[in-house]
Amino acid sequence: MPTGAWKQAITVFLLITFINSCVQIEIRDRRPPVYRKQETPSKPPKEIPKPKEPAREQEVKPPTVEVPKVPMPVKGAPIRSHRGYFIKSSCDEFFRAVERGRVLYAGDDLKGYGWVVMVEQEDGYITVYTRAERVFVKKGESVKKGQVLGKVGKQGQDCGIGFELRLKDGSPTNFELVKE
């Protein structure tokens, strides 16, 4: 490299170093900080507000839903199940209609239910009797309250019937069995 080129390279290097150092200069404010006095109210407030009492909670009662009371269709001991009751009885008992109505179904083609009778009651509910050994009514037949519908069957070692109460749309509803 010729000597003139060295001088030129050194000059550029020094110029860059000088410019770089100028950029790093920190400028400080030399004035002392000013502290302001915090203002306080000259007079206390006339009244100090009292904390409000929490609103008294009223006892919330769930809406009362009247559960239908249905007479027992057979003498025995009711055992609550997920859709109704299994009414354990002696093996020679007959089950009866709990209200007047019309037979919607009577048959044994629903697997796992034995003989089944479904009665649409005049009040709109549907009563379902399952696990019967025999039935004595046919589809479309009108039945009276207390009329014999069939003979109880067996479930495992126990005799009795399954009994459910359903709404008009066929969905099961909660109910209470009462002895008449």
N, C-alpha and C. Protein backbone atom coordinates (compact mmCIF):
# COMPACT_ATOMS: atom_id res chain seq x y z
N MET A 1 0.84 -1.17 0.00
CA MET A 1 0.00 0.00 0.00
C MET A 1 0.89 1.25 0.00
N PRO A 2 0.57 2.21 -0.82
CA PRO A 2 1.39 3.42 -0.84
C PRO A 2 1.18 4.22 0.43
N THR A 3 2.11 5.04 0.80
CA THR A 3 2.08 5.83 2.04
C THR A 3 0.93 6.80 2.07
N GLY A 4 0.55 7.32 0.97
CA GLY A 4 -0.60 8.24 0.93
C GLY A 4 -1.88 7.53 1.30
N ALA A 5 -1.98 6.27 0.97
CA ALA A 5 -3.17 5.48 1.29
C ALA A 5 -3.22 5.22 2.79
N TRP A 6 -2.01 5.01 3.41
CA TRP A 6 -1.97 4.80 4.86
C TRP A 6 -2.45 6.04 5.58
N LYS A 7 -2.03 7.17 5.15
CA LYS A 7 -2.43 8.41 5.80
C LYS A 7 -3.94 8.60 5.68
N GLN A 8 -4.43 8.31 4.53
CA GLN A 8 -5.88 8.46 4.30
C GLN A 8 -6.67 7.48 5.17
N ALA A 9 -6.22 6.24 5.33
CA ALA A 9 -6.91 5.23 6.15
C ALA A 9 -6.87 5.62 7.61
N ILE A 10 -5.71 6.14 8.07
CA ILE A 10 -5.59 6.56 9.48
C ILE A 10 -6.50 7.75 9.73
N THR A 11 -6.59 8.66 8.82
CA THR A 11 -7.44 9.83 8.98
C THR A 11 -8.91 9.42 9.07
N VAL A 12 -9.33 8.51 8.23
CA VAL A 12 -10.72 8.04 8.27
C VAL A 12 -10.99 7.34 9.59
N PHE A 13 -10.03 6.53 10.07
CA PHE A 13 -10.20 5.82 11.35
C PHE A 13 -10.34 6.81 12.49
N LEU A 14 -9.51 7.81 12.53
CA LEU A 14 -9.58 8.81 13.61
C LEU A 14 -10.87 9.61 13.54
N LEU A 15 -11.31 9.92 12.35
CA LEU A 15 -12.55 10.67 12.18
C LEU A 15 -13.75 9.85 12.69
N ILE A 16 -13.77 8.58 12.38
CA ILE A 16 -14.86 7.71 12.84
C ILE A 16 -14.82 7.59 14.36
N THR A 17 -13.64 7.43 14.94
CA THR A 17 -13.50 7.33 16.39
C THR A 17 -13.97 8.61 17.05
N PHE A 18 -13.63 9.75 16.52
CA PHE A 18 -14.04 11.04 17.08
C PHE A 18 -15.56 11.20 17.03
N ILE A 19 -16.16 10.87 15.90
CA ILE A 19 -17.62 11.01 15.76
C ILE A 19 -18.33 10.05 16.72
N ASN A 20 -17.79 8.87 16.85
CA ASN A 20 -18.39 7.87 17.74
C ASN A 20 -18.33 8.34 19.19
N SER A 21 -17.25 8.96 19.60
CA SER A 21 -17.13 9.43 20.98
C SER A 21 -18.03 10.63 21.24
N CYS A 22 -18.31 11.42 20.23
CA CYS A 22 -19.21 12.56 20.39
C CYS A 22 -20.65 12.11 20.65
N VAL A 23 -21.01 11.05 20.07
CA VAL A 23 -22.37 10.54 20.23
C VAL A 23 -22.59 10.04 21.66
N GLN A 24 -21.57 9.62 22.34
CA GLN A 24 -21.70 9.04 23.67
C GLN A 24 -21.65 10.08 24.78
N ILE A 25 -21.63 11.34 24.45
CA ILE A 25 -21.60 12.38 25.47
C ILE A 25 -22.96 12.46 26.13
N GLU A 26 -22.97 12.46 27.48
CA GLU A 26 -24.21 12.52 28.24
C GLU A 26 -24.42 13.96 28.68
N ILE A 27 -25.58 14.47 28.41
CA ILE A 27 -25.89 15.84 28.80
C ILE A 27 -26.74 15.77 30.05
N ARG A 28 -26.28 16.44 31.12
CA ARG A 28 -26.99 16.41 32.39
C ARG A 28 -27.54 17.79 32.69
N ASP A 29 -28.70 17.75 33.40
CA ASP A 29 -29.31 19.00 33.84
C ASP A 29 -28.65 19.36 35.17
N ARG A 30 -28.06 20.52 35.27
CA ARG A 30 -27.32 20.89 36.47
C ARG A 30 -28.18 21.66 37.46
N ARG A 31 -29.45 21.87 37.15
CA ARG A 31 -30.32 22.58 38.09
C ARG A 31 -30.70 21.65 39.23
N PRO A 32 -30.81 22.16 40.46
CA PRO A 32 -31.21 21.31 41.58
C PRO A 32 -32.68 20.93 41.45
N PRO A 33 -33.08 19.74 41.97
CA PRO A 33 -34.48 19.34 41.88
C PRO A 33 -35.37 20.23 42.73
N VAL A 34 -36.60 20.43 42.29
CA VAL A 34 -37.56 21.26 43.00
C VAL A 34 -38.55 20.34 43.70
N TYR A 35 -38.67 20.50 45.02
CA TYR A 35 -39.62 19.72 45.80
C TYR A 35 -40.79 20.61 46.13
N ARG A 36 -42.00 20.13 45.85
CA ARG A 36 -43.19 20.92 46.13
C ARG A 36 -43.84 20.44 47.41
N LYS A 37 -44.36 21.36 48.14
CA LYS A 37 -45.03 21.06 49.39
C LYS A 37 -46.39 20.44 49.07
N GLN A 38 -46.70 19.34 49.77
CA GLN A 38 -47.98 18.68 49.53
C GLN A 38 -49.07 19.49 50.20
N GLU A 39 -50.12 19.73 49.42
CA GLU A 39 -51.21 20.54 49.94
C GLU A 39 -52.10 19.68 50.83
N THR A 40 -52.46 20.21 52.00
CA THR A 40 -53.38 19.54 52.90
C THR A 40 -54.61 20.41 53.04
N PRO A 41 -55.76 19.82 53.22
CA PRO A 41 -56.96 20.65 53.36
C PRO A 41 -56.87 21.48 54.64
N SER A 42 -57.35 22.70 54.55
CA SER A 42 -57.25 23.60 55.69
C SER A 42 -58.27 23.24 56.77
N LYS A 43 -59.44 22.69 56.36
CA LYS A 43 -60.48 22.33 57.32
C LYS A 43 -60.84 20.86 57.12
N PRO A 44 -61.12 20.17 58.23
CA PRO A 44 -61.58 18.79 58.06
C PRO A 44 -62.98 18.78 57.47
N PRO A 45 -63.38 17.69 56.84
CA PRO A 45 -64.73 17.64 56.27
C PRO A 45 -65.77 17.75 57.38
N LYS A 46 -66.92 18.33 57.04
CA LYS A 46 -67.97 18.54 58.03
C LYS A 46 -68.49 17.23 58.60
N GLU A 47 -68.74 16.27 57.73
CA GLU A 47 -69.23 14.97 58.17
C GLU A 47 -68.41 13.87 57.53
N ILE A 48 -68.09 12.92 58.34
CA ILE A 48 -67.39 11.75 57.81
C ILE A 48 -68.47 10.76 57.42
N PRO A 49 -68.52 10.36 56.16
CA PRO A 49 -69.58 9.43 55.75
C PRO A 49 -69.43 8.10 56.47
N LYS A 50 -70.57 7.59 56.93
CA LYS A 50 -70.59 6.30 57.62
C LYS A 50 -70.64 5.20 56.57
N PRO A 51 -69.94 4.11 56.85
CA PRO A 51 -70.02 3.01 55.88
C PRO A 51 -71.45 2.47 55.84
N LYS A 52 -71.88 2.16 54.64
CA LYS A 52 -73.24 1.64 54.47
C LYS A 52 -73.30 0.21 54.96
N GLU A 53 -74.43 -0.11 55.59
CA GLU A 53 -74.63 -1.49 56.04
C GLU A 53 -74.92 -2.34 54.81
N PRO A 54 -74.36 -3.53 54.79
CA PRO A 54 -74.68 -4.39 53.64
C PRO A 54 -76.17 -4.70 53.63
N ALA A 55 -76.70 -4.79 52.45
CA ALA A 55 -78.13 -5.09 52.32
C ALA A 55 -78.40 -6.45 52.94
N ARG A 56 -79.47 -6.52 53.69
CA ARG A 56 -79.82 -7.79 54.31
C ARG A 56 -80.31 -8.74 53.23
N GLU A 57 -79.72 -9.91 53.26
CA GLU A 57 -80.12 -10.90 52.27
C GLU A 57 -81.40 -11.56 52.71
N GLN A 58 -82.33 -11.61 51.79
CA GLN A 58 -83.56 -12.31 52.09
C GLN A 58 -83.34 -13.78 51.81
N GLU A 59 -83.97 -14.58 52.61
CA GLU A 59 -83.84 -16.01 52.41
C GLU A 59 -84.50 -16.38 51.09
N VAL A 60 -83.70 -16.96 50.23
CA VAL A 60 -84.21 -17.35 48.92
C VAL A 60 -84.72 -18.78 49.02
N LYS A 61 -85.97 -18.93 48.73
CA LYS A 61 -86.57 -20.27 48.78
C LYS A 61 -86.74 -20.77 47.35
N PRO A 62 -86.39 -22.02 47.14
CA PRO A 62 -86.59 -22.56 45.79
C PRO A 62 -88.08 -22.62 45.48
N PRO A 63 -88.41 -22.49 44.22
CA PRO A 63 -89.84 -22.56 43.88
C PRO A 63 -90.40 -23.91 44.28
N THR A 64 -91.60 -23.86 44.78
CA THR A 64 -92.22 -25.12 45.20
C THR A 64 -92.83 -25.80 43.99
N VAL A 65 -92.37 -26.98 43.75
CA VAL A 65 -92.88 -27.78 42.65
C VAL A 65 -93.66 -28.91 43.29
N GLU A 66 -94.91 -28.97 42.95
CA GLU A 66 -95.73 -30.02 43.53
C GLU A 66 -95.45 -31.33 42.83
N VAL A 67 -95.01 -32.28 43.61
CA VAL A 67 -94.72 -33.62 43.09
C VAL A 67 -96.02 -34.41 43.10
N PRO A 68 -96.40 -35.00 41.97
CA PRO A 68 -97.65 -35.77 41.95
C PRO A 68 -97.60 -36.94 42.93
N LYS A 69 -98.70 -37.14 43.60
CA LYS A 69 -98.85 -38.28 44.51
C LYS A 69 -99.69 -39.32 43.78
N VAL A 70 -99.13 -40.50 43.65
CA VAL A 70 -99.75 -41.56 42.86
C VAL A 70 -100.00 -42.76 43.77
N PRO A 71 -101.21 -43.34 43.70
CA PRO A 71 -101.48 -44.53 44.52
C PRO A 71 -100.66 -45.73 44.06
N MET A 72 -100.39 -46.62 44.99
CA MET A 72 -99.63 -47.84 44.68
C MET A 72 -100.48 -48.74 43.77
N PRO A 73 -99.89 -49.25 42.69
CA PRO A 73 -100.64 -50.14 41.80
C PRO A 73 -100.71 -51.58 42.29
N VAL A 74 -99.93 -51.90 43.32
CA VAL A 74 -99.88 -53.26 43.86
C VAL A 74 -99.45 -53.18 45.32
N LYS A 75 -99.89 -54.12 46.14
CA LYS A 75 -99.43 -54.17 47.53
C LYS A 75 -97.98 -54.61 47.54
N GLY A 76 -97.15 -53.91 48.31
CA GLY A 76 -95.75 -54.30 48.38
C GLY A 76 -94.88 -53.20 48.94
N ALA A 77 -93.58 -53.38 48.77
CA ALA A 77 -92.58 -52.45 49.29
C ALA A 77 -91.91 -51.73 48.12
N PRO A 78 -92.15 -50.41 47.99
CA PRO A 78 -91.53 -49.67 46.88
C PRO A 78 -90.04 -49.42 47.11
N ILE A 79 -89.27 -49.64 46.06
CA ILE A 79 -87.83 -49.36 46.09
C ILE A 79 -87.57 -48.35 44.98
N ARG A 80 -87.04 -47.19 45.34
CA ARG A 80 -86.81 -46.11 44.37
C ARG A 80 -85.77 -46.55 43.34
N SER A 81 -86.03 -46.26 42.07
CA SER A 81 -85.06 -46.51 41.00
C SER A 81 -84.85 -45.20 40.25
N HIS A 82 -84.00 -45.21 39.24
CA HIS A 82 -83.67 -43.96 38.55
C HIS A 82 -84.84 -43.34 37.79
N ARG A 83 -85.83 -44.11 37.39
CA ARG A 83 -86.97 -43.55 36.65
C ARG A 83 -88.29 -43.69 37.38
N GLY A 84 -88.31 -44.37 38.48
CA GLY A 84 -89.55 -44.59 39.19
C GLY A 84 -89.32 -45.50 40.38
N TYR A 85 -90.08 -46.59 40.43
CA TYR A 85 -89.99 -47.53 41.55
C TYR A 85 -90.04 -48.97 41.03
N PHE A 86 -89.39 -49.86 41.79
CA PHE A 86 -89.66 -51.28 41.65
C PHE A 86 -90.44 -51.61 42.91
N ILE A 87 -91.65 -52.14 42.74
CA ILE A 87 -92.49 -52.46 43.89
C ILE A 87 -92.42 -53.96 44.11
N LYS A 88 -91.69 -54.31 45.17
CA LYS A 88 -91.49 -55.71 45.52
C LYS A 88 -92.77 -56.23 46.17
N SER A 89 -93.27 -57.35 45.68
CA SER A 89 -94.53 -57.89 46.21
C SER A 89 -94.47 -59.41 46.20
N SER A 90 -95.54 -60.02 46.67
CA SER A 90 -95.58 -61.49 46.61
C SER A 90 -95.83 -61.89 45.15
N CYS A 91 -95.39 -63.07 44.80
CA CYS A 91 -95.44 -63.51 43.40
C CYS A 91 -96.85 -63.76 42.87
N ASP A 92 -97.84 -63.85 43.74
CA ASP A 92 -99.20 -64.12 43.27
C ASP A 92 -100.07 -62.85 43.22
N GLU A 93 -99.44 -61.67 43.30
CA GLU A 93 -100.18 -60.40 43.28
C GLU A 93 -100.52 -59.98 41.85
N PHE A 94 -101.59 -59.18 41.74
CA PHE A 94 -101.99 -58.57 40.48
C PHE A 94 -101.84 -57.06 40.63
N PHE A 95 -101.41 -56.40 39.55
CA PHE A 95 -101.29 -54.94 39.62
C PHE A 95 -102.49 -54.30 38.93
N ARG A 96 -102.85 -53.09 39.39
CA ARG A 96 -104.07 -52.42 38.95
C ARG A 96 -103.77 -51.03 38.39
N ALA A 97 -104.68 -50.52 37.59
CA ALA A 97 -104.57 -49.15 37.05
C ALA A 97 -104.72 -48.16 38.20
N VAL A 98 -103.86 -47.15 38.24
CA VAL A 98 -103.92 -46.16 39.33
C VAL A 98 -104.93 -45.05 39.02
N GLU A 99 -105.31 -44.88 37.76
CA GLU A 99 -106.31 -43.89 37.34
C GLU A 99 -107.01 -44.40 36.08
N ARG A 100 -108.11 -43.72 35.74
CA ARG A 100 -108.81 -44.06 34.48
C ARG A 100 -107.96 -43.62 33.30
N GLY A 101 -108.09 -44.36 32.20
CA GLY A 101 -107.33 -43.98 31.01
C GLY A 101 -107.51 -44.96 29.88
N ARG A 102 -106.58 -44.86 28.92
CA ARG A 102 -106.61 -45.70 27.73
C ARG A 102 -105.25 -46.36 27.57
N VAL A 103 -105.25 -47.65 27.22
CA VAL A 103 -104.00 -48.40 27.06
C VAL A 103 -103.31 -47.96 25.77
N LEU A 104 -102.10 -47.41 25.91
CA LEU A 104 -101.30 -47.01 24.74
C LEU A 104 -100.48 -48.17 24.19
N TYR A 105 -100.06 -49.06 25.09
CA TYR A 105 -99.20 -50.17 24.69
C TYR A 105 -99.38 -51.31 25.68
N ALA A 106 -99.41 -52.51 25.17
CA ALA A 106 -99.42 -53.73 25.99
C ALA A 106 -98.68 -54.79 25.19
N GLY A 107 -97.49 -55.18 25.65
CA GLY A 107 -96.71 -56.16 24.90
C GLY A 107 -95.43 -56.53 25.61
N ASP A 108 -94.68 -57.44 24.97
CA ASP A 108 -93.43 -57.90 25.56
C ASP A 108 -92.25 -57.76 24.60
N ASP A 109 -92.35 -56.86 23.62
CA ASP A 109 -91.27 -56.75 22.65
C ASP A 109 -90.24 -55.66 23.00
N LEU A 110 -90.28 -55.12 24.21
CA LEU A 110 -89.24 -54.19 24.66
C LEU A 110 -88.24 -55.00 25.48
N LYS A 111 -87.07 -55.26 24.91
CA LYS A 111 -86.09 -56.15 25.56
C LYS A 111 -85.74 -55.68 26.96
N GLY A 112 -85.71 -56.64 27.88
CA GLY A 112 -85.29 -56.37 29.24
C GLY A 112 -86.37 -55.84 30.16
N TYR A 113 -87.59 -55.65 29.66
CA TYR A 113 -88.66 -55.10 30.48
C TYR A 113 -89.77 -56.10 30.78
N GLY A 114 -89.71 -57.28 30.22
CA GLY A 114 -90.80 -58.24 30.40
C GLY A 114 -92.06 -57.70 29.72
N TRP A 115 -93.21 -58.11 30.23
CA TRP A 115 -94.46 -57.57 29.70
C TRP A 115 -94.63 -56.15 30.23
N VAL A 116 -95.05 -55.26 29.33
CA VAL A 116 -95.18 -53.84 29.68
C VAL A 116 -96.59 -53.37 29.34
N VAL A 117 -97.15 -52.52 30.21
CA VAL A 117 -98.42 -51.86 29.94
C VAL A 117 -98.20 -50.36 30.13
N MET A 118 -98.63 -49.56 29.14
CA MET A 118 -98.59 -48.10 29.25
C MET A 118 -100.01 -47.59 29.14
N VAL A 119 -100.40 -46.78 30.13
CA VAL A 119 -101.76 -46.23 30.16
C VAL A 119 -101.69 -44.71 30.15
N GLU A 120 -102.38 -44.10 29.17
CA GLU A 120 -102.50 -42.64 29.16
C GLU A 120 -103.69 -42.29 30.03
N GLN A 121 -103.42 -41.61 31.13
CA GLN A 121 -104.47 -41.26 32.08
C GLN A 121 -105.25 -40.05 31.57
N GLU A 122 -106.44 -39.85 32.10
CA GLU A 122 -107.26 -38.70 31.71
C GLU A 122 -106.62 -37.37 32.10
N ASP A 123 -105.75 -37.37 33.12
CA ASP A 123 -105.09 -36.13 33.54
C ASP A 123 -103.85 -35.82 32.70
N GLY A 124 -103.55 -36.66 31.70
CA GLY A 124 -102.44 -36.39 30.79
C GLY A 124 -101.17 -37.16 31.10
N TYR A 125 -101.02 -37.66 32.31
CA TYR A 125 -99.84 -38.46 32.63
C TYR A 125 -99.93 -39.83 31.96
N ILE A 126 -98.77 -40.44 31.81
CA ILE A 126 -98.70 -41.80 31.28
C ILE A 126 -98.09 -42.67 32.38
N THR A 127 -98.79 -43.73 32.76
CA THR A 127 -98.24 -44.66 33.74
C THR A 127 -97.68 -45.86 32.99
N VAL A 128 -96.50 -46.30 33.44
CA VAL A 128 -95.80 -47.41 32.79
C VAL A 128 -95.59 -48.51 33.83
N TYR A 129 -96.08 -49.69 33.52
CA TYR A 129 -95.96 -50.86 34.38
C TYR A 129 -95.06 -51.85 33.65
N THR A 130 -93.93 -52.25 34.25
CA THR A 130 -92.98 -53.14 33.57
C THR A 130 -92.73 -54.40 34.42
N ARG A 131 -92.08 -55.37 33.81
CA ARG A 131 -91.67 -56.62 34.45
C ARG A 131 -92.85 -57.51 34.84
N ALA A 132 -93.96 -57.38 34.12
CA ALA A 132 -95.14 -58.22 34.41
C ALA A 132 -94.93 -59.62 33.87
N GLU A 133 -95.55 -60.58 34.52
CA GLU A 133 -95.53 -61.97 34.03
C GLU A 133 -96.58 -62.14 32.94
N ARG A 134 -97.75 -61.51 33.14
CA ARG A 134 -98.84 -61.55 32.16
C ARG A 134 -99.58 -60.23 32.21
N VAL A 135 -100.22 -59.90 31.08
CA VAL A 135 -101.10 -58.71 31.06
C VAL A 135 -102.48 -59.14 30.56
N PHE A 136 -103.50 -58.42 31.05
CA PHE A 136 -104.88 -58.78 30.72
C PHE A 136 -105.59 -57.69 29.92
N VAL A 137 -104.87 -56.72 29.38
CA VAL A 137 -105.48 -55.63 28.61
C VAL A 137 -104.80 -55.55 27.24
N LYS A 138 -105.47 -54.85 26.31
CA LYS A 138 -104.95 -54.69 24.95
C LYS A 138 -104.84 -53.21 24.62
N LYS A 139 -104.00 -52.91 23.63
CA LYS A 139 -103.82 -51.54 23.15
C LYS A 139 -105.17 -50.97 22.72
N GLY A 140 -105.44 -49.72 23.14
CA GLY A 140 -106.68 -49.04 22.77
C GLY A 140 -107.81 -49.25 23.75
N GLU A 141 -107.69 -50.20 24.66
CA GLU A 141 -108.74 -50.51 25.63
C GLU A 141 -108.82 -49.40 26.69
N SER A 142 -110.06 -49.05 27.07
CA SER A 142 -110.26 -48.11 28.19
C SER A 142 -110.20 -48.88 29.49
N VAL A 143 -109.54 -48.27 30.49
CA VAL A 143 -109.43 -48.93 31.80
C VAL A 143 -109.96 -47.99 32.88
N LYS A 144 -110.48 -48.60 33.94
CA LYS A 144 -110.99 -47.85 35.08
C LYS A 144 -109.96 -47.87 36.20
N LYS A 145 -110.05 -46.91 37.09
CA LYS A 145 -109.18 -46.90 38.26
C LYS A 145 -109.42 -48.17 39.06
N GLY A 146 -108.35 -48.88 39.40
CA GLY A 146 -108.45 -50.11 40.18
C GLY A 146 -108.62 -51.37 39.35
N GLN A 147 -108.79 -51.24 38.03
CA GLN A 147 -108.96 -52.41 37.17
C GLN A 147 -107.64 -53.19 37.11
N VAL A 148 -107.74 -54.52 37.18
CA VAL A 148 -106.55 -55.38 37.09
C VAL A 148 -105.99 -55.30 35.68
N LEU A 149 -104.67 -55.01 35.59
CA LEU A 149 -103.99 -54.92 34.30
C LEU A 149 -103.16 -56.15 34.01
N GLY A 150 -102.65 -56.80 35.07
CA GLY A 150 -101.80 -57.97 34.85
C GLY A 150 -101.30 -58.56 36.15
N LYS A 151 -100.43 -59.56 36.00
CA LYS A 151 -99.85 -60.25 37.15
C LYS A 151 -98.38 -59.86 37.26
N VAL A 152 -97.91 -59.65 38.50
CA VAL A 152 -96.52 -59.25 38.71
C VAL A 152 -95.58 -60.34 38.21
N GLY A 153 -94.38 -59.93 37.83
CA GLY A 153 -93.37 -60.86 37.35
C GLY A 153 -92.19 -60.93 38.29
N LYS A 154 -91.09 -61.48 37.79
CA LYS A 154 -89.88 -61.63 38.60
C LYS A 154 -88.77 -60.76 38.04
N GLN A 155 -87.99 -60.22 38.97
CA GLN A 155 -86.76 -59.53 38.60
C GLN A 155 -85.68 -60.12 39.51
N GLY A 156 -84.83 -60.93 38.94
CA GLY A 156 -83.85 -61.65 39.76
C GLY A 156 -84.59 -62.63 40.66
N GLN A 157 -84.35 -62.54 41.95
CA GLN A 157 -85.01 -63.42 42.92
C GLN A 157 -86.32 -62.83 43.44
N ASP A 158 -86.58 -61.54 43.13
CA ASP A 158 -87.74 -60.85 43.69
C ASP A 158 -88.90 -60.77 42.71
N CYS A 159 -90.11 -60.86 43.26
CA CYS A 159 -91.31 -60.64 42.45
C CYS A 159 -91.76 -59.20 42.65
N GLY A 160 -92.39 -58.65 41.62
CA GLY A 160 -92.89 -57.28 41.70
C GLY A 160 -93.02 -56.69 40.31
N ILE A 161 -93.25 -55.37 40.27
CA ILE A 161 -93.33 -54.67 38.98
C ILE A 161 -92.52 -53.38 39.04
N GLY A 162 -92.08 -52.96 37.86
CA GLY A 162 -91.49 -51.63 37.73
C GLY A 162 -92.64 -50.67 37.46
N PHE A 163 -92.56 -49.46 38.04
CA PHE A 163 -93.65 -48.50 37.87
C PHE A 163 -93.06 -47.12 37.66
N GLU A 164 -93.50 -46.45 36.58
CA GLU A 164 -93.01 -45.11 36.24
C GLU A 164 -94.18 -44.20 35.93
N LEU A 165 -93.96 -42.90 36.13
CA LEU A 165 -94.93 -41.88 35.74
C LEU A 165 -94.23 -41.00 34.72
N ARG A 166 -94.90 -40.77 33.59
CA ARG A 166 -94.28 -39.97 32.52
C ARG A 166 -95.20 -38.83 32.13
N LEU A 167 -94.57 -37.79 31.55
CA LEU A 167 -95.33 -36.65 31.04
C LEU A 167 -95.90 -36.99 29.67
N LYS A 168 -96.70 -36.09 29.12
CA LYS A 168 -97.33 -36.33 27.81
C LYS A 168 -96.31 -36.63 26.72
N ASP A 169 -95.12 -35.98 26.82
CA ASP A 169 -94.09 -36.20 25.80
C ASP A 169 -93.30 -37.50 26.00
N GLY A 170 -93.63 -38.24 27.05
CA GLY A 170 -92.98 -39.52 27.30
C GLY A 170 -91.80 -39.46 28.25
N SER A 171 -91.38 -38.25 28.65
CA SER A 171 -90.23 -38.15 29.55
C SER A 171 -90.63 -38.48 30.99
N PRO A 172 -89.75 -39.21 31.72
CA PRO A 172 -90.08 -39.58 33.09
C PRO A 172 -90.14 -38.36 34.00
N THR A 173 -90.98 -38.41 35.01
CA THR A 173 -91.09 -37.32 35.97
C THR A 173 -91.05 -37.88 37.38
N ASN A 174 -90.64 -37.05 38.30
CA ASN A 174 -90.58 -37.45 39.70
C ASN A 174 -91.99 -37.53 40.27
N PHE A 175 -92.22 -38.49 41.15
CA PHE A 175 -93.54 -38.63 41.79
C PHE A 175 -93.37 -39.35 43.11
N GLU A 176 -94.42 -39.31 43.90
CA GLU A 176 -94.40 -39.96 45.20
C GLU A 176 -95.51 -41.01 45.23
N LEU A 177 -95.17 -42.20 45.70
CA LEU A 177 -96.17 -43.26 45.84
C LEU A 177 -96.87 -43.12 47.19
N VAL A 178 -98.19 -43.29 47.17
CA VAL A 178 -98.96 -43.25 48.42
C VAL A 178 -99.81 -44.51 48.51
N LYS A 179 -99.95 -45.01 49.72
CA LYS A 179 -100.78 -46.21 49.93
C LYS A 179 -102.21 -45.76 50.16
N GLU A 180 -103.14 -46.39 49.48
CA GLU A 180 -104.56 -46.04 49.64
C GLU A 180 -105.25 -47.01 50.55
